[in-house]
Amino acid sequence: MPHRNRTDRQIAQDARSRVRVVRQGPGAVVVALPGRIANEEAEKVGRLLIALLQAALPVRLDLSLTTGLETGAQAALFRLLRAAGQASVTVTAHRPGPAVRAALRTSGLDRAMTCTDQPA
């Protein structure tokens, strides 16, 4: 039970560790989302991802190291896509593993954004 009794500060630190900007510009922002994105950190992860839209560059989500997306993380990705649409920024999911691909398919995220097996 590693998630019990975590403080807001610990959750925020975990969220920051889940959003790693790998490369920015000139053509895109590439973001790795390593590990499992838990419900308790999903809102903060979502806010960090939405903040990246300010660069007005396409966002490429490298999901190759993502091991799971809990329902809160799926909702955060839908919020990201809504904000990206309003900002006319494209979001693409790259190299999701089998568990993440299943979560994208089950939630409908695979129909809301482009998913590819190509590297980000």
C-alpha atoms as a PDB file:
ATOM      1  CA  MET A   1       0.000   0.000   0.000  1.00  0.00           C
ATOM      2  CA  PRO A   2       2.554   2.589  -1.092  1.00  0.00           C
ATOM      3  CA  HIS A   3      -0.064   5.249  -1.857  1.00  0.00           C
ATOM      4  CA  ARG A   4      -1.626   5.530   1.618  1.00  0.00           C
ATOM      5  CA  ASN A   5      -1.093   8.618   3.732  1.00  0.00           C
ATOM      6  CA  ARG A   6       0.823  10.482   1.068  1.00  0.00           C
ATOM      7  CA  THR A   7       0.885  14.233   1.445  1.00  0.00           C
ATOM      8  CA  ASP A   8      -0.079  16.667  -1.301  1.00  0.00           C
ATOM      9  CA  ARG A   9       3.594  17.525  -1.611  1.00  0.00           C
ATOM     10  CA  GLN A  10       4.544  13.884  -2.208  1.00  0.00           C
ATOM     11  CA  ILE A  11       1.764  13.521  -4.757  1.00  0.00           C
ATOM     12  CA  ALA A  12       2.931  16.681  -6.566  1.00  0.00           C
ATOM     13  CA  GLN A  13       6.515  15.374  -6.633  1.00  0.00           C
ATOM     14  CA  ASP A  14       5.322  12.071  -8.048  1.00  0.00           C
ATOM     15  CA  ALA A  15       3.285  13.892 -10.689  1.00  0.00           C
ATOM     16  CA  ARG A  16       6.333  15.913 -11.751  1.00  0.00           C
ATOM     17  CA  SER A  17       8.351  12.714 -12.038  1.00  0.00           C
ATOM     18  CA  ARG A  18       5.641  11.274 -14.325  1.00  0.00           C
ATOM     19  CA  VAL A  19       5.909  14.118 -16.851  1.00  0.00           C
ATOM     20  CA  ARG A  20       9.379  14.278 -18.391  1.00  0.00           C
ATOM     21  CA  VAL A  21       9.951  16.683 -21.247  1.00  0.00           C
ATOM     22  CA  VAL A  22      12.392  14.770 -23.417  1.00  0.00           C
ATOM     23  CA  ARG A  23      12.720  17.257 -26.252  1.00  0.00           C
ATOM     24  CA  GLN A  24      11.162  20.587 -27.101  1.00  0.00           C
ATOM     25  CA  GLY A  25      11.107  22.259 -30.481  1.00  0.00           C
ATOM     26  CA  PRO A  26      11.480  23.147 -33.157  1.00  0.00           C
ATOM     27  CA  GLY A  27       8.775  20.784 -34.436  1.00  0.00           C
ATOM     28  CA  ALA A  28       7.205  19.287 -31.304  1.00  0.00           C
ATOM     29  CA  VAL A  29       7.296  18.782 -27.565  1.00  0.00           C
ATOM     30  CA  VAL A  30       8.105  15.166 -26.721  1.00  0.00           C
ATOM     31  CA  VAL A  31       6.946  14.068 -23.278  1.00  0.00           C
ATOM     32  CA  ALA A  32       7.686  10.724 -21.637  1.00  0.00           C
ATOM     33  CA  LEU A  33       5.204   9.423 -19.075  1.00  0.00           C
ATOM     34  CA  PRO A  34       7.098   6.659 -17.240  1.00  0.00           C
ATOM     35  CA  GLY A  35       5.493   4.286 -14.762  1.00  0.00           C
ATOM     36  CA  ARG A  36       1.876   3.863 -13.746  1.00  0.00           C
ATOM     37  CA  ILE A  37      -0.151   7.058 -13.522  1.00  0.00           C
ATOM     38  CA  ALA A  38      -2.277   6.665 -10.410  1.00  0.00           C
ATOM     39  CA  ASN A  39      -5.621   8.342  -9.808  1.00  0.00           C
ATOM     40  CA  GLU A  40      -4.291  10.458  -6.946  1.00  0.00           C
ATOM     41  CA  GLU A  41      -1.635  12.127  -9.116  1.00  0.00           C
ATOM     42  CA  ALA A  42      -3.613  12.197 -12.373  1.00  0.00           C
ATOM     43  CA  GLU A  43      -5.040  15.697 -11.939  1.00  0.00           C
ATOM     44  CA  LYS A  44      -1.590  17.189 -11.342  1.00  0.00           C
ATOM     45  CA  VAL A  45      -0.130  15.214 -14.267  1.00  0.00           C
ATOM     46  CA  GLY A  46      -2.950  16.556 -16.443  1.00  0.00           C
ATOM     47  CA  ARG A  47      -2.258  20.146 -15.405  1.00  0.00           C
ATOM     48  CA  LEU A  48       1.439  19.726 -16.204  1.00  0.00           C
ATOM     49  CA  LEU A  49       0.589  18.322 -19.635  1.00  0.00           C
ATOM     50  CA  ILE A  50      -1.878  21.118 -20.377  1.00  0.00           C
ATOM     51  CA  ALA A  51       0.788  23.686 -19.428  1.00  0.00           C
ATOM     52  CA  LEU A  52       2.955  22.293 -22.232  1.00  0.00           C
ATOM     53  CA  LEU A  53       0.375  23.493 -24.762  1.00  0.00           C
ATOM     54  CA  GLN A  54       1.630  27.046 -24.216  1.00  0.00           C
ATOM     55  CA  ALA A  55       4.540  26.248 -26.541  1.00  0.00           C
ATOM     56  CA  ALA A  56       1.925  25.966 -29.341  1.00  0.00           C
ATOM     57  CA  LEU A  57       3.812  22.947 -30.708  1.00  0.00           C
ATOM     58  CA  PRO A  58       2.444  19.472 -31.374  1.00  0.00           C
ATOM     59  CA  VAL A  59       2.695  17.258 -28.292  1.00  0.00           C
ATOM     60  CA  ARG A  60       4.054  13.741 -28.692  1.00  0.00           C
ATOM     61  CA  LEU A  61       3.394  11.490 -25.718  1.00  0.00           C
ATOM     62  CA  ASP A  62       6.042   8.774 -25.434  1.00  0.00           C
ATOM     63  CA  LEU A  63       4.122   5.994 -23.715  1.00  0.00           C
ATOM     64  CA  SER A  64       6.781   3.310 -24.192  1.00  0.00           C
ATOM     65  CA  LEU A  65       7.687   3.390 -20.479  1.00  0.00           C
ATOM     66  CA  THR A  66       4.128   3.902 -19.225  1.00  0.00           C
ATOM     67  CA  THR A  67       2.992   0.789 -17.383  1.00  0.00           C
ATOM     68  CA  GLY A  68      -0.594   1.787 -16.658  1.00  0.00           C
ATOM     69  CA  LEU A  69      -3.225   4.504 -16.876  1.00  0.00           C
ATOM     70  CA  GLU A  70      -5.765   4.478 -14.083  1.00  0.00           C
ATOM     71  CA  THR A  71      -9.157   6.008 -14.797  1.00  0.00           C
ATOM     72  CA  GLY A  72      -8.089   9.387 -13.413  1.00  0.00           C
ATOM     73  CA  ALA A  73      -5.155   9.450 -15.838  1.00  0.00           C
ATOM     74  CA  GLN A  74      -7.490   8.623 -18.709  1.00  0.00           C
ATOM     75  CA  ALA A  75      -9.726  11.531 -17.694  1.00  0.00           C
ATOM     76  CA  ALA A  76      -6.655  13.803 -17.504  1.00  0.00           C
ATOM     77  CA  LEU A  77      -5.736  12.818 -21.067  1.00  0.00           C
ATOM     78  CA  PHE A  78      -9.259  13.676 -22.235  1.00  0.00           C
ATOM     79  CA  ARG A  79      -8.894  17.109 -20.577  1.00  0.00           C
ATOM     80  CA  LEU A  80      -5.525  17.515 -22.340  1.00  0.00           C
ATOM     81  CA  LEU A  81      -7.122  16.677 -25.688  1.00  0.00           C
ATOM     82  CA  ARG A  82      -9.955  19.153 -25.103  1.00  0.00           C
ATOM     83  CA  ALA A  83      -7.465  21.916 -24.247  1.00  0.00           C
ATOM     84  CA  ALA A  84      -5.267  20.949 -27.197  1.00  0.00           C
ATOM     85  CA  GLY A  85      -8.247  21.194 -29.528  1.00  0.00           C
ATOM     86  CA  GLN A  86      -9.048  24.669 -28.232  1.00  0.00           C
ATOM     87  CA  ALA A  87      -5.400  25.661 -28.793  1.00  0.00           C
ATOM     88  CA  SER A  88      -5.278  23.954 -32.223  1.00  0.00           C
ATOM     89  CA  VAL A  89      -2.417  21.736 -31.054  1.00  0.00           C
ATOM     90  CA  THR A  90      -2.189  18.077 -32.025  1.00  0.00           C
ATOM     91  CA  VAL A  91      -1.460  15.348 -29.481  1.00  0.00           C
ATOM     92  CA  THR A  92      -0.122  11.957 -30.576  1.00  0.00           C
ATOM     93  CA  ALA A  93       0.464   8.865 -28.427  1.00  0.00           C
ATOM     94  CA  HIS A  94       3.624   6.958 -29.345  1.00  0.00           C
ATOM     95  CA  ARG A  95       4.519   3.339 -28.605  1.00  0.00           C
ATOM     96  CA  PRO A  96       1.957   2.411 -25.948  1.00  0.00           C
ATOM     97  CA  GLY A  97       2.531  -1.050 -24.475  1.00  0.00           C
ATOM     98  CA  PRO A  98      -0.222  -3.680 -24.376  1.00  0.00           C
ATOM     99  CA  ALA A  99      -1.741  -2.594 -21.030  1.00  0.00           C
ATOM    100  CA  VAL A 100      -1.710   1.097 -21.964  1.00  0.00           C
ATOM    101  CA  ARG A 101      -3.071   0.372 -25.440  1.00  0.00           C
ATOM    102  CA  ALA A 102      -5.922  -1.589 -23.813  1.00  0.00           C
ATOM    103  CA  ALA A 103      -6.667   1.356 -21.495  1.00  0.00           C
ATOM    104  CA  LEU A 104      -6.650   3.750 -24.471  1.00  0.00           C
ATOM    105  CA  ARG A 105      -8.997   1.451 -26.391  1.00  0.00           C
ATOM    106  CA  THR A 106     -11.363   0.861 -23.449  1.00  0.00           C
ATOM    107  CA  SER A 107     -11.628   4.576 -22.661  1.00  0.00           C
ATOM    108  CA  GLY A 108     -11.961   5.671 -26.297  1.00  0.00           C
ATOM    109  CA  LEU A 109      -8.770   7.710 -26.171  1.00  0.00           C
ATOM    110  CA  ASP A 110      -7.428   5.747 -29.136  1.00  0.00           C
ATOM    111  CA  ARG A 111     -10.246   7.279 -31.202  1.00  0.00           C
ATOM    112  CA  ALA A 112      -9.751  10.769 -29.795  1.00  0.00           C
ATOM    113  CA  MET A 113      -6.070  11.032 -30.722  1.00  0.00           C
ATOM    114  CA  THR A 114      -3.635   9.426 -33.102  1.00  0.00           C
ATOM    115  CA  CYS A 115      -1.810   6.410 -31.663  1.00  0.00           C
ATOM    116  CA  THR A 116       1.278   5.048 -33.352  1.00  0.00           C
ATOM    117  CA  ASP A 117       3.950   2.426 -32.790  1.00  0.00           C
ATOM    118  CA  GLN A 118       6.578   4.818 -34.156  1.00  0.00           C
ATOM    119  CA  PRO A 119       9.111   6.391 -31.757  1.00  0.00           C
ATOM    120  CA  ALA A 120       8.282   9.886 -30.607  1.00  0.00           C
END
